Amino acid sequence: MHIRPEYNLALPNSQPDFQTLVEKYQLPFENSEQIAESLQAIFSTDFTRKTWLVQVGMSDIEVALDQGIIKNHFGEEPICELEFEIKQGNLGDLFTLVEAMQKRMGCG
């Protein structure tokens, strides 16, 4: 499980744009120009995402299923990821949803 902020930025090509990301989200990097110059893409993903908004208790939780591939200069591998994001509510309701899904799938 990860609890972290998520920063998204639409890009016109495969080149990372750290400077714009720093500016958009007002990130506290003093040397952002230097970092931006040294960045290069080391992998890319190509996937399809299906999402569902689920209400559990007093919470709205987005469930996202990503299926596709991850690629780098060595080759590519399939990816299949299930992601849960609390849109509104609390962590307890998220655990309730995950536990119910584990029981239903027989993996918990």
PDB file of N, CA and C in Angstrom:
ATOM      1  N   MET A   1       0.838  -1.157   0.000  1.00  0.00           N
ATOM      2  CA  MET A   1       0.000   0.000   0.000  1.00  0.00           C
ATOM      3  C   MET A   1       0.893   1.232   0.000  1.00  0.00           C
ATOM      4  N   HIS A   2       0.456   2.235  -0.740  1.00  0.00           N
ATOM      5  CA  HIS A   2       1.160   3.511  -0.784  1.00  0.00           C
ATOM      6  C   HIS A   2       0.177   4.606  -0.422  1.00  0.00           C
ATOM      7  N   ILE A   3       0.596   5.478   0.430  1.00  0.00           N
ATOM      8  CA  ILE A   3      -0.157   6.695   0.700  1.00  0.00           C
ATOM      9  C   ILE A   3       0.763   7.826   0.277  1.00  0.00           C
ATOM     10  N   ARG A   4       0.402   8.476  -0.825  1.00  0.00           N
ATOM     11  CA  ARG A   4       1.288   9.482  -1.387  1.00  0.00           C
ATOM     12  C   ARG A   4       0.500  10.435  -2.271  1.00  0.00           C
ATOM     13  N   PRO A   5       1.052  11.619  -2.483  1.00  0.00           N
ATOM     14  CA  PRO A   5       0.414  12.508  -3.461  1.00  0.00           C
ATOM     15  C   PRO A   5       0.676  11.981  -4.866  1.00  0.00           C
ATOM     16  N   GLU A   6      -0.186  12.339  -5.777  1.00  0.00           N
ATOM     17  CA  GLU A   6      -0.024  11.910  -7.165  1.00  0.00           C
ATOM     18  C   GLU A   6      -0.002  13.146  -8.049  1.00  0.00           C
ATOM     19  N   TYR A   7       1.024  13.248  -8.883  1.00  0.00           N
ATOM     20  CA  TYR A   7       1.185  14.383  -9.774  1.00  0.00           C
ATOM     21  C   TYR A   7       1.097  13.899 -11.212  1.00  0.00           C
ATOM     22  N   ASN A   8       0.185  14.472 -11.968  1.00  0.00           N
ATOM     23  CA  ASN A   8      -0.012  14.069 -13.358  1.00  0.00           C
ATOM     24  C   ASN A   8       0.179  15.270 -14.274  1.00  0.00           C
ATOM     25  N   LEU A   9       0.776  15.006 -15.415  1.00  0.00           N
ATOM     26  CA  LEU A   9       1.021  16.056 -16.382  1.00  0.00           C
ATOM     27  C   LEU A   9       0.939  15.457 -17.780  1.00  0.00           C
ATOM     28  N   ALA A  10       0.043  15.986 -18.597  1.00  0.00           N
ATOM     29  CA  ALA A  10      -0.052  15.530 -19.988  1.00  0.00           C
ATOM     30  C   ALA A  10       1.170  16.040 -20.748  1.00  0.00           C
ATOM     31  N   LEU A  11       1.773  15.161 -21.531  1.00  0.00           N
ATOM     32  CA  LEU A  11       2.976  15.513 -22.287  1.00  0.00           C
ATOM     33  C   LEU A  11       2.723  15.400 -23.784  1.00  0.00           C
ATOM     34  N   PRO A  12       3.304  16.292 -24.583  1.00  0.00           N
ATOM     35  CA  PRO A  12       3.126  16.210 -26.035  1.00  0.00           C
ATOM     36  C   PRO A  12       3.980  15.120 -26.682  1.00  0.00           C
ATOM     37  N   ASN A  13       4.994  14.626 -25.935  1.00  0.00           N
ATOM     38  CA  ASN A  13       5.875  13.581 -26.461  1.00  0.00           C
ATOM     39  C   ASN A  13       6.421  12.768 -25.286  1.00  0.00           C
ATOM     40  N   SER A  14       7.427  11.954 -25.521  1.00  0.00           N
ATOM     41  CA  SER A  14       7.935  11.075 -24.463  1.00  0.00           C
ATOM     42  C   SER A  14       9.004  11.727 -23.585  1.00  0.00           C
ATOM     43  N   GLN A  15       9.299  12.990 -23.822  1.00  0.00           N
ATOM     44  CA  GLN A  15      10.319  13.686 -23.034  1.00  0.00           C
ATOM     45  C   GLN A  15       9.723  14.179 -21.707  1.00  0.00           C
ATOM     46  N   PRO A  16      10.314  13.783 -20.559  1.00  0.00           N
ATOM     47  CA  PRO A  16       9.819  14.282 -19.268  1.00  0.00           C
ATOM     48  C   PRO A  16       9.927  15.806 -19.194  1.00  0.00           C
ATOM     49  N   ASP A  17       8.983  16.446 -18.525  1.00  0.00           N
ATOM     50  CA  ASP A  17       8.976  17.906 -18.383  1.00  0.00           C
ATOM     51  C   ASP A  17       8.906  18.253 -16.899  1.00  0.00           C
ATOM     52  N   PHE A  18      10.019  18.051 -16.212  1.00  0.00           N
ATOM     53  CA  PHE A  18      10.079  18.250 -14.769  1.00  0.00           C
ATOM     54  C   PHE A  18       9.810  19.697 -14.385  1.00  0.00           C
ATOM     55  N   GLN A  19      10.336  20.637 -15.134  1.00  0.00           N
ATOM     56  CA  GLN A  19      10.175  22.057 -14.814  1.00  0.00           C
ATOM     57  C   GLN A  19       8.696  22.450 -14.782  1.00  0.00           C
ATOM     58  N   THR A  20       7.927  22.013 -15.764  1.00  0.00           N
ATOM     59  CA  THR A  20       6.495  22.324 -15.793  1.00  0.00           C
ATOM     60  C   THR A  20       5.774  21.655 -14.631  1.00  0.00           C
ATOM     61  N   LEU A  21       6.159  20.432 -14.298  1.00  0.00           N
ATOM     62  CA  LEU A  21       5.571  19.718 -13.164  1.00  0.00           C
ATOM     63  C   LEU A  21       5.820  20.479 -11.860  1.00  0.00           C
ATOM     64  N   VAL A  22       7.049  20.938 -11.666  1.00  0.00           N
ATOM     65  CA  VAL A  22       7.406  21.706 -10.465  1.00  0.00           C
ATOM     66  C   VAL A  22       6.570  22.978 -10.382  1.00  0.00           C
ATOM     67  N   GLU A  23       6.429  23.664 -11.504  1.00  0.00           N
ATOM     68  CA  GLU A  23       5.665  24.909 -11.526  1.00  0.00           C
ATOM     69  C   GLU A  23       4.180  24.664 -11.284  1.00  0.00           C
ATOM     70  N   LYS A  24       3.616  23.657 -11.941  1.00  0.00           N
ATOM     71  CA  LYS A  24       2.180  23.381 -11.820  1.00  0.00           C
ATOM     72  C   LYS A  24       1.785  23.034 -10.386  1.00  0.00           C
ATOM     73  N   TYR A  25       2.604  22.223  -9.714  1.00  0.00           N
ATOM     74  CA  TYR A  25       2.259  21.761  -8.369  1.00  0.00           C
ATOM     75  C   TYR A  25       3.034  22.493  -7.271  1.00  0.00           C
ATOM     76  N   GLN A  26       3.771  23.528  -7.638  1.00  0.00           N
ATOM     77  CA  GLN A  26       4.549  24.328  -6.691  1.00  0.00           C
ATOM     78  C   GLN A  26       5.393  23.438  -5.775  1.00  0.00           C
ATOM     79  N   LEU A  27       6.152  22.544  -6.397  1.00  0.00           N
ATOM     80  CA  LEU A  27       7.000  21.616  -5.649  1.00  0.00           C
ATOM     81  C   LEU A  27       8.267  22.332  -5.180  1.00  0.00           C
ATOM     82  N   PRO A  28       8.744  22.010  -3.976  1.00  0.00           N
ATOM     83  CA  PRO A  28       9.872  22.748  -3.381  1.00  0.00           C
ATOM     84  C   PRO A  28      11.252  22.250  -3.826  1.00  0.00           C
ATOM     85  N   PHE A  29      11.584  22.418  -5.094  1.00  0.00           N
ATOM     86  CA  PHE A  29      12.900  22.033  -5.598  1.00  0.00           C
ATOM     87  C   PHE A  29      13.671  23.296  -5.965  1.00  0.00           C
ATOM     88  N   GLU A  30      14.806  23.512  -5.308  1.00  0.00           N
ATOM     89  CA  GLU A  30      15.619  24.692  -5.603  1.00  0.00           C
ATOM     90  C   GLU A  30      16.393  24.535  -6.909  1.00  0.00           C
ATOM     91  N   ASN A  31      16.740  23.304  -7.257  1.00  0.00           N
ATOM     92  CA  ASN A  31      17.555  23.046  -8.450  1.00  0.00           C
ATOM     93  C   ASN A  31      16.744  22.347  -9.542  1.00  0.00           C
ATOM     94  N   SER A  32      15.501  22.753  -9.719  1.00  0.00           N
ATOM     95  CA  SER A  32      14.621  22.054 -10.661  1.00  0.00           C
ATOM     96  C   SER A  32      15.115  22.138 -12.105  1.00  0.00           C
ATOM     97  N   GLU A  33      15.745  23.236 -12.489  1.00  0.00           N
ATOM     98  CA  GLU A  33      16.249  23.338 -13.864  1.00  0.00           C
ATOM     99  C   GLU A  33      17.365  22.329 -14.107  1.00  0.00           C
ATOM    100  N   GLN A  34      18.244  22.173 -13.127  1.00  0.00           N
ATOM    101  CA  GLN A  34      19.343  21.210 -13.243  1.00  0.00           C
ATOM    102  C   GLN A  34      18.800  19.780 -13.297  1.00  0.00           C
ATOM    103  N   ILE A  35      17.815  19.485 -12.465  1.00  0.00           N
ATOM    104  CA  ILE A  35      17.192  18.158 -12.476  1.00  0.00           C
ATOM    105  C   ILE A  35      16.524  17.917 -13.825  1.00  0.00           C
ATOM    106  N   ALA A  36      15.785  18.905 -14.301  1.00  0.00           N
ATOM    107  CA  ALA A  36      15.061  18.772 -15.569  1.00  0.00           C
ATOM    108  C   ALA A  36      16.003  18.449 -16.721  1.00  0.00           C
ATOM    109  N   GLU A  37      17.168  19.067 -16.741  1.00  0.00           N
ATOM    110  CA  GLU A  37      18.129  18.834 -17.824  1.00  0.00           C
ATOM    111  C   GLU A  37      18.691  17.414 -17.813  1.00  0.00           C
ATOM    112  N   SER A  38      18.734  16.790 -16.637  1.00  0.00           N
ATOM    113  CA  SER A  38      19.335  15.454 -16.542  1.00  0.00           C
ATOM    114  C   SER A  38      18.326  14.316 -16.711  1.00  0.00           C
ATOM    115  N   LEU A  39      17.035  14.628 -16.736  1.00  0.00           N
ATOM    116  CA  LEU A  39      16.022  13.577 -16.845  1.00  0.00           C
ATOM    117  C   LEU A  39      15.948  12.990 -18.247  1.00  0.00           C
ATOM    118  N   GLN A  40      15.728  11.690 -18.277  1.00  0.00           N
ATOM    119  CA  GLN A  40      15.438  11.018 -19.536  1.00  0.00           C
ATOM    120  C   GLN A  40      14.531   9.826 -19.234  1.00  0.00           C
ATOM    121  N   ALA A  41      13.691   9.496 -20.171  1.00  0.00           N
ATOM    122  CA  ALA A  41      12.772   8.366 -19.989  1.00  0.00           C
ATOM    123  C   ALA A  41      13.566   7.066 -19.977  1.00  0.00           C
ATOM    124  N   ILE A  42      13.271   6.183 -19.007  1.00  0.00           N
ATOM    125  CA  ILE A  42      13.940   4.879 -18.960  1.00  0.00           C
ATOM    126  C   ILE A  42      12.962   3.736 -19.208  1.00  0.00           C
ATOM    127  N   PHE A  43      11.673   4.039 -19.170  1.00  0.00           N
ATOM    128  CA  PHE A  43      10.659   3.054 -19.523  1.00  0.00           C
ATOM    129  C   PHE A  43       9.396   3.795 -19.917  1.00  0.00           C
ATOM    130  N   SER A  44       8.483   3.083 -20.552  1.00  0.00           N
ATOM    131  CA  SER A  44       7.178   3.652 -20.887  1.00  0.00           C
ATOM    132  C   SER A  44       6.115   2.589 -20.671  1.00  0.00           C
ATOM    133  N   THR A  45       4.906   3.048 -20.487  1.00  0.00           N
ATOM    134  CA  THR A  45       3.785   2.126 -20.313  1.00  0.00           C
ATOM    135  C   THR A  45       2.748   2.390 -21.393  1.00  0.00           C
ATOM    136  N   ASP A  46       2.076   1.339 -21.778  1.00  0.00           N
ATOM    137  CA  ASP A  46       0.976   1.425 -22.735  1.00  0.00           C
ATOM    138  C   ASP A  46      -0.106   0.512 -22.188  1.00  0.00           C
ATOM    139  N   PHE A  47      -1.149   1.105 -21.618  1.00  0.00           N
ATOM    140  CA  PHE A  47      -2.161   0.281 -20.966  1.00  0.00           C
ATOM    141  C   PHE A  47      -3.549   0.864 -21.150  1.00  0.00           C
ATOM    142  N   THR A  48      -4.523   0.022 -20.909  1.00  0.00           N
ATOM    143  CA  THR A  48      -5.926   0.419 -20.906  1.00  0.00           C
ATOM    144  C   THR A  48      -6.393   0.428 -19.462  1.00  0.00           C
ATOM    145  N   ARG A  49      -7.122   1.458 -19.082  1.00  0.00           N
ATOM    146  CA  ARG A  49      -7.617   1.583 -17.714  1.00  0.00           C
ATOM    147  C   ARG A  49      -9.140   1.515 -17.715  1.00  0.00           C
ATOM    148  N   LYS A  50      -9.668   0.665 -16.842  1.00  0.00           N
ATOM    149  CA  LYS A  50     -11.104   0.616 -16.571  1.00  0.00           C
ATOM    150  C   LYS A  50     -11.288   1.086 -15.141  1.00  0.00           C
ATOM    151  N   THR A  51     -12.279   1.948 -14.904  1.00  0.00           N
ATOM    152  CA  THR A  51     -12.490   2.466 -13.550  1.00  0.00           C
ATOM    153  C   THR A  51     -13.932   2.280 -13.113  1.00  0.00           C
ATOM    154  N   TRP A  52     -14.078   2.124 -11.808  1.00  0.00           N
ATOM    155  CA  TRP A  52     -15.382   2.041 -11.169  1.00  0.00           C
ATOM    156  C   TRP A  52     -15.345   2.915  -9.924  1.00  0.00           C
ATOM    157  N   LEU A  53     -16.413   3.635  -9.661  1.00  0.00           N
ATOM    158  CA  LEU A  53     -16.537   4.399  -8.424  1.00  0.00           C
ATOM    159  C   LEU A  53     -17.439   3.600  -7.496  1.00  0.00           C
ATOM    160  N   VAL A  54     -16.894   3.214  -6.345  1.00  0.00           N
ATOM    161  CA  VAL A  54     -17.591   2.341  -5.406  1.00  0.00           C
ATOM    162  C   VAL A  54     -17.847   3.116  -4.121  1.00  0.00           C
ATOM    163  N   GLN A  55     -19.066   3.009  -3.599  1.00  0.00           N
ATOM    164  CA  GLN A  55     -19.387   3.630  -2.315  1.00  0.00           C
ATOM    165  C   GLN A  55     -19.343   2.564  -1.232  1.00  0.00           C
ATOM    166  N   VAL A  56     -18.527   2.822  -0.217  1.00  0.00           N
ATOM    167  CA  VAL A  56     -18.396   1.923   0.922  1.00  0.00           C
ATOM    168  C   VAL A  56     -18.512   2.783   2.170  1.00  0.00           C
ATOM    169  N   GLY A  57     -19.469   2.461   3.030  1.00  0.00           N
ATOM    170  CA  GLY A  57     -19.669   3.291   4.216  1.00  0.00           C
ATOM    171  C   GLY A  57     -19.951   4.720   3.794  1.00  0.00           C
ATOM    172  N   MET A  58     -19.145   5.630   4.297  1.00  0.00           N
ATOM    173  CA  MET A  58     -19.295   7.051   3.961  1.00  0.00           C
ATOM    174  C   MET A  58     -18.252   7.501   2.929  1.00  0.00           C
ATOM    175  N   SER A  59     -17.643   6.548   2.240  1.00  0.00           N
ATOM    176  CA  SER A  59     -16.532   6.863   1.337  1.00  0.00           C
ATOM    177  C   SER A  59     -16.842   6.559  -0.120  1.00  0.00           C
ATOM    178  N   ASP A  60     -16.244   7.350  -0.999  1.00  0.00           N
ATOM    179  CA  ASP A  60     -16.236   7.088  -2.438  1.00  0.00           C
ATOM    180  C   ASP A  60     -14.829   6.628  -2.789  1.00  0.00           C
ATOM    181  N   ILE A  61     -14.732   5.409  -3.333  1.00  0.00           N
ATOM    182  CA  ILE A  61     -13.438   4.820  -3.648  1.00  0.00           C
ATOM    183  C   ILE A  61     -13.401   4.464  -5.126  1.00  0.00           C
ATOM    184  N   GLU A  62     -12.374   4.954  -5.813  1.00  0.00           N
ATOM    185  CA  GLU A  62     -12.191   4.604  -7.216  1.00  0.00           C
ATOM    186  C   GLU A  62     -11.353   3.338  -7.299  1.00  0.00           C
ATOM    187  N   VAL A  63     -11.861   2.369  -8.051  1.00  0.00           N
ATOM    188  CA  VAL A  63     -11.124   1.142  -8.322  1.00  0.00           C
ATOM    189  C   VAL A  63     -10.717   1.213  -9.790  1.00  0.00           C
ATOM    190  N   ALA A  64      -9.415   1.083 -10.052  1.00  0.00           N
ATOM    191  CA  ALA A  64      -8.903   1.169 -11.423  1.00  0.00           C
ATOM    192  C   ALA A  64      -8.154  -0.109 -11.770  1.00  0.00           C
ATOM    193  N   LEU A  65      -8.470  -0.668 -12.928  1.00  0.00           N
ATOM    194  CA  LEU A  65      -7.775  -1.845 -13.440  1.00  0.00           C
ATOM    195  C   LEU A  65      -6.975  -1.424 -14.666  1.00  0.00           C
ATOM    196  N   ASP A  66      -5.652  -1.548 -14.562  1.00  0.00           N
ATOM    197  CA  ASP A  66      -4.748  -1.221 -15.669  1.00  0.00           C
ATOM    198  C   ASP A  66      -4.204  -2.513 -16.256  1.00  0.00           C
ATOM    199  N   GLN A  67      -4.358  -2.676 -17.580  1.00  0.00           N
ATOM    200  CA  GLN A  67      -3.827  -3.847 -18.275  1.00  0.00           C
ATOM    201  C   GLN A  67      -3.113  -3.384 -19.534  1.00  0.00           C
ATOM    202  N   GLY A  68      -1.889  -3.873 -19.720  1.00  0.00           N
ATOM    203  CA  GLY A  68      -1.125  -3.486 -20.897  1.00  0.00           C
ATOM    204  C   GLY A  68       0.300  -3.966 -20.804  1.00  0.00           C
ATOM    205  N   ILE A  69       1.236  -3.095 -21.231  1.00  0.00           N
ATOM    206  CA  ILE A  69       2.651  -3.476 -21.224  1.00  0.00           C
ATOM    207  C   ILE A  69       3.510  -2.332 -20.683  1.00  0.00           C
ATOM    208  N   ILE A  70       4.658  -2.724 -20.145  1.00  0.00           N
ATOM    209  CA  ILE A  70       5.706  -1.782 -19.765  1.00  0.00           C
ATOM    210  C   ILE A  70       6.903  -2.104 -20.652  1.00  0.00           C
ATOM    211  N   LYS A  71       7.532  -1.046 -21.219  1.00  0.00           N
ATOM    212  CA  LYS A  71       8.615  -1.248 -22.190  1.00  0.00           C
ATOM    213  C   LYS A  71       9.856  -0.464 -21.780  1.00  0.00           C
ATOM    214  N   ASN A  72      11.019  -1.049 -22.072  1.00  0.00           N
ATOM    215  CA  ASN A  72      12.286  -0.331 -21.987  1.00  0.00           C
ATOM    216  C   ASN A  72      13.201  -0.864 -23.082  1.00  0.00           C
ATOM    217  N   HIS A  73      14.465  -0.482 -23.067  1.00  0.00           N
ATOM    218  CA  HIS A  73      15.348  -0.908 -24.162  1.00  0.00           C
ATOM    219  C   HIS A  73      15.698  -2.394 -24.099  1.00  0.00           C
ATOM    220  N   PHE A  74      15.359  -3.085 -23.009  1.00  0.00           N
ATOM    221  CA  PHE A  74      15.587  -4.529 -22.915  1.00  0.00           C
ATOM    222  C   PHE A  74      14.431  -5.340 -23.502  1.00  0.00           C
ATOM    223  N   GLY A  75      13.247  -4.733 -23.592  1.00  0.00           N
ATOM    224  CA  GLY A  75      12.076  -5.445 -24.097  1.00  0.00           C
ATOM    225  C   GLY A  75      10.809  -4.927 -23.449  1.00  0.00           C
ATOM    226  N   GLU A  76       9.853  -5.813 -23.311  1.00  0.00           N
ATOM    227  CA  GLU A  76       8.575  -5.420 -22.706  1.00  0.00           C
ATOM    228  C   GLU A  76       8.013  -6.571 -21.890  1.00  0.00           C
ATOM    229  N   GLU A  77       7.162  -6.206 -20.926  1.00  0.00           N
ATOM    230  CA  GLU A  77       6.510  -7.177 -20.051  1.00  0.00           C
ATOM    231  C   GLU A  77       5.060  -6.757 -19.859  1.00  0.00           C
ATOM    232  N   PRO A  78       4.170  -7.735 -19.690  1.00  0.00           N
ATOM    233  CA  PRO A  78       2.775  -7.384 -19.428  1.00  0.00           C
ATOM    234  C   PRO A  78       2.616  -6.812 -18.020  1.00  0.00           C
ATOM    235  N   ILE A  79       1.649  -5.922 -17.867  1.00  0.00           N
ATOM    236  CA  ILE A  79       1.292  -5.414 -16.548  1.00  0.00           C
ATOM    237  C   ILE A  79      -0.200  -5.586 -16.340  1.00  0.00           C
ATOM    238  N   CYS A  80      -0.558  -5.851 -15.120  1.00  0.00           N
ATOM    239  CA  CYS A  80      -1.959  -5.942 -14.715  1.00  0.00           C
ATOM    240  C   CYS A  80      -1.997  -5.455 -13.270  1.00  0.00           C
ATOM    241  N   GLU A  81      -2.578  -4.288 -13.060  1.00  0.00           N
ATOM    242  CA  GLU A  81      -2.533  -3.648 -11.756  1.00  0.00           C
ATOM    243  C   GLU A  81      -3.932  -3.218 -11.336  1.00  0.00           C
ATOM    244  N   LEU A  82      -4.244  -3.456 -10.094  1.00  0.00           N
ATOM    245  CA  LEU A  82      -5.493  -2.999  -9.503  1.00  0.00           C
ATOM    246  C   LEU A  82      -5.146  -1.907  -8.507  1.00  0.00           C
ATOM    247  N   GLU A  83      -5.754  -0.751  -8.669  1.00  0.00           N
ATOM    248  CA  GLU A  83      -5.436   0.405  -7.832  1.00  0.00           C
ATOM    249  C   GLU A  83      -6.703   0.908  -7.156  1.00  0.00           C
ATOM    250  N   PHE A  84      -6.571   1.261  -5.902  1.00  0.00           N
ATOM    251  CA  PHE A  84      -7.684   1.817  -5.134  1.00  0.00           C
ATOM    252  C   PHE A  84      -7.309   3.231  -4.715  1.00  0.00           C
ATOM    253  N   GLU A  85      -8.221   4.175  -4.922  1.00  0.00           N
ATOM    254  CA  GLU A  85      -7.958   5.556  -4.527  1.00  0.00           C
ATOM    255  C   GLU A  85      -9.172   6.106  -3.789  1.00  0.00           C
ATOM    256  N   ILE A  86      -8.939   6.597  -2.591  1.00  0.00           N
ATOM    257  CA  ILE A  86     -10.012   7.222  -1.822  1.00  0.00           C
ATOM    258  C   ILE A  86     -10.258   8.603  -2.419  1.00  0.00           C
ATOM    259  N   LYS A  87     -11.407   8.778  -3.035  1.00  0.00           N
ATOM    260  CA  LYS A  87     -11.766  10.079  -3.594  1.00  0.00           C
ATOM    261  C   LYS A  87     -12.324  10.979  -2.503  1.00  0.00           C
ATOM    262  N   GLN A  88     -13.071  10.354  -1.593  1.00  0.00           N
ATOM    263  CA  GLN A  88     -13.668  11.067  -0.466  1.00  0.00           C
ATOM    264  C   GLN A  88     -13.936  10.035   0.607  1.00  0.00           C
ATOM    265  N   GLY A  89     -13.522  10.302   1.822  1.00  0.00           N
ATOM    266  CA  GLY A  89     -13.822   9.363   2.887  1.00  0.00           C
ATOM    267  C   GLY A  89     -12.618   9.012   3.722  1.00  0.00           C
ATOM    268  N   ASN A  90     -12.596   7.753   4.189  1.00  0.00           N
ATOM    269  CA  ASN A  90     -11.559   7.381   5.144  1.00  0.00           C
ATOM    270  C   ASN A  90     -10.917   6.036   4.816  1.00  0.00           C
ATOM    271  N   LEU A  91      -9.777   5.818   5.421  1.00  0.00           N
ATOM    272  CA  LEU A  91      -8.973   4.627   5.181  1.00  0.00           C
ATOM    273  C   LEU A  91      -9.675   3.355   5.645  1.00  0.00           C
ATOM    274  N   GLY A  92     -10.453   3.442   6.716  1.00  0.00           N
ATOM    275  CA  GLY A  92     -11.171   2.268   7.217  1.00  0.00           C
ATOM    276  C   GLY A  92     -12.116   1.683   6.182  1.00  0.00           C
ATOM    277  N   ASP A  93     -12.821   2.544   5.449  1.00  0.00           N
ATOM    278  CA  ASP A  93     -13.732   2.064   4.402  1.00  0.00           C
ATOM    279  C   ASP A  93     -12.959   1.406   3.260  1.00  0.00           C
ATOM    280  N   LEU A  94     -11.773   1.920   2.960  1.00  0.00           N
ATOM    281  CA  LEU A  94     -10.935   1.292   1.931  1.00  0.00           C
ATOM    282  C   LEU A  94     -10.554  -0.124   2.349  1.00  0.00           C
ATOM    283  N   PHE A  95     -10.139  -0.296   3.606  1.00  0.00           N
ATOM    284  CA  PHE A  95      -9.789  -1.633   4.093  1.00  0.00           C
ATOM    285  C   PHE A  95     -10.993  -2.566   4.066  1.00  0.00           C
ATOM    286  N   THR A  96     -12.169  -2.046   4.375  1.00  0.00           N
ATOM    287  CA  THR A  96     -13.390  -2.853   4.308  1.00  0.00           C
ATOM    288  C   THR A  96     -13.610  -3.369   2.892  1.00  0.00           C
ATOM    289  N   LEU A  97     -13.447  -2.505   1.893  1.00  0.00           N
ATOM    290  CA  LEU A  97     -13.614  -2.901   0.492  1.00  0.00           C
ATOM    291  C   LEU A  97     -12.580  -3.947   0.083  1.00  0.00           C
ATOM    292  N   VAL A  98     -11.324  -3.714   0.413  1.00  0.00           N
ATOM    293  CA  VAL A  98     -10.259  -4.650   0.030  1.00  0.00           C
ATOM    294  C   VAL A  98     -10.478  -6.014   0.682  1.00  0.00           C
ATOM    295  N   GLU A  99     -10.836  -6.038   1.956  1.00  0.00           N
ATOM    296  CA  GLU A  99     -11.088  -7.309   2.646  1.00  0.00           C
ATOM    297  C   GLU A  99     -12.258  -8.054   2.020  1.00  0.00           C
ATOM    298  N   ALA A 100     -13.321  -7.336   1.655  1.00  0.00           N
ATOM    299  CA  ALA A 100     -14.480  -7.972   1.016  1.00  0.00           C
ATOM    300  C   ALA A 100     -14.092  -8.559  -0.340  1.00  0.00           C
ATOM    301  N   MET A 101     -13.274  -7.843  -1.099  1.00  0.00           N
ATOM    302  CA  MET A 101     -12.838  -8.352  -2.405  1.00  0.00           C
ATOM    303  C   MET A 101     -11.944  -9.576  -2.244  1.00  0.00           C
ATOM    304  N   GLN A 102     -11.070  -9.567  -1.246  1.00  0.00           N
ATOM    305  CA  GLN A 102     -10.202 -10.723  -1.000  1.00  0.00           C
ATOM    306  C   GLN A 102     -11.031 -11.956  -0.662  1.00  0.00           C
ATOM    307  N   LYS A 103     -12.031 -11.796   0.183  1.00  0.00           N
ATOM    308  CA  LYS A 103     -12.883 -12.931   0.558  1.00  0.00           C
ATOM    309  C   LYS A 103     -13.637 -13.460  -0.655  1.00  0.00           C
ATOM    310  N   ARG A 104     -14.176 -12.545  -1.448  1.00  0.00           N
ATOM    311  CA  ARG A 104     -14.949 -12.963  -2.622  1.00  0.00           C
ATOM    312  C   ARG A 104     -14.082 -13.704  -3.640  1.00  0.00           C
ATOM    313  N   MET A 105     -12.825 -13.296  -3.753  1.00  0.00           N
ATOM    314  CA  MET A 105     -11.921 -13.918  -4.719  1.00  0.00           C
ATOM    315  C   MET A 105     -11.173 -15.107  -4.132  1.00  0.00           C
ATOM    316  N   GLY A 106     -11.353 -15.345  -2.847  1.00  0.00           N
ATOM    317  CA  GLY A 106     -10.695 -16.481  -2.209  1.00  0.00           C
ATOM    318  C   GLY A 106      -9.198 -16.310  -2.031  1.00  0.00           C
ATOM    319  N   CYS A 107      -8.761 -15.075  -1.830  1.00  0.00           N
ATOM    320  CA  CYS A 107      -7.317 -14.850  -1.675  1.00  0.00           C
ATOM    321  C   CYS A 107      -7.011 -14.067  -0.405  1.00  0.00           C
ATOM    322  N   GLY A 108      -7.679 -14.369   0.644  1.00  0.00           N
ATOM    323  CA  GLY A 108      -7.376 -13.629   1.872  1.00  0.00           C
ATOM    324  C   GLY A 108      -7.887 -14.343   3.003  1.00  0.00           C
TER     325      GLY A 108
END
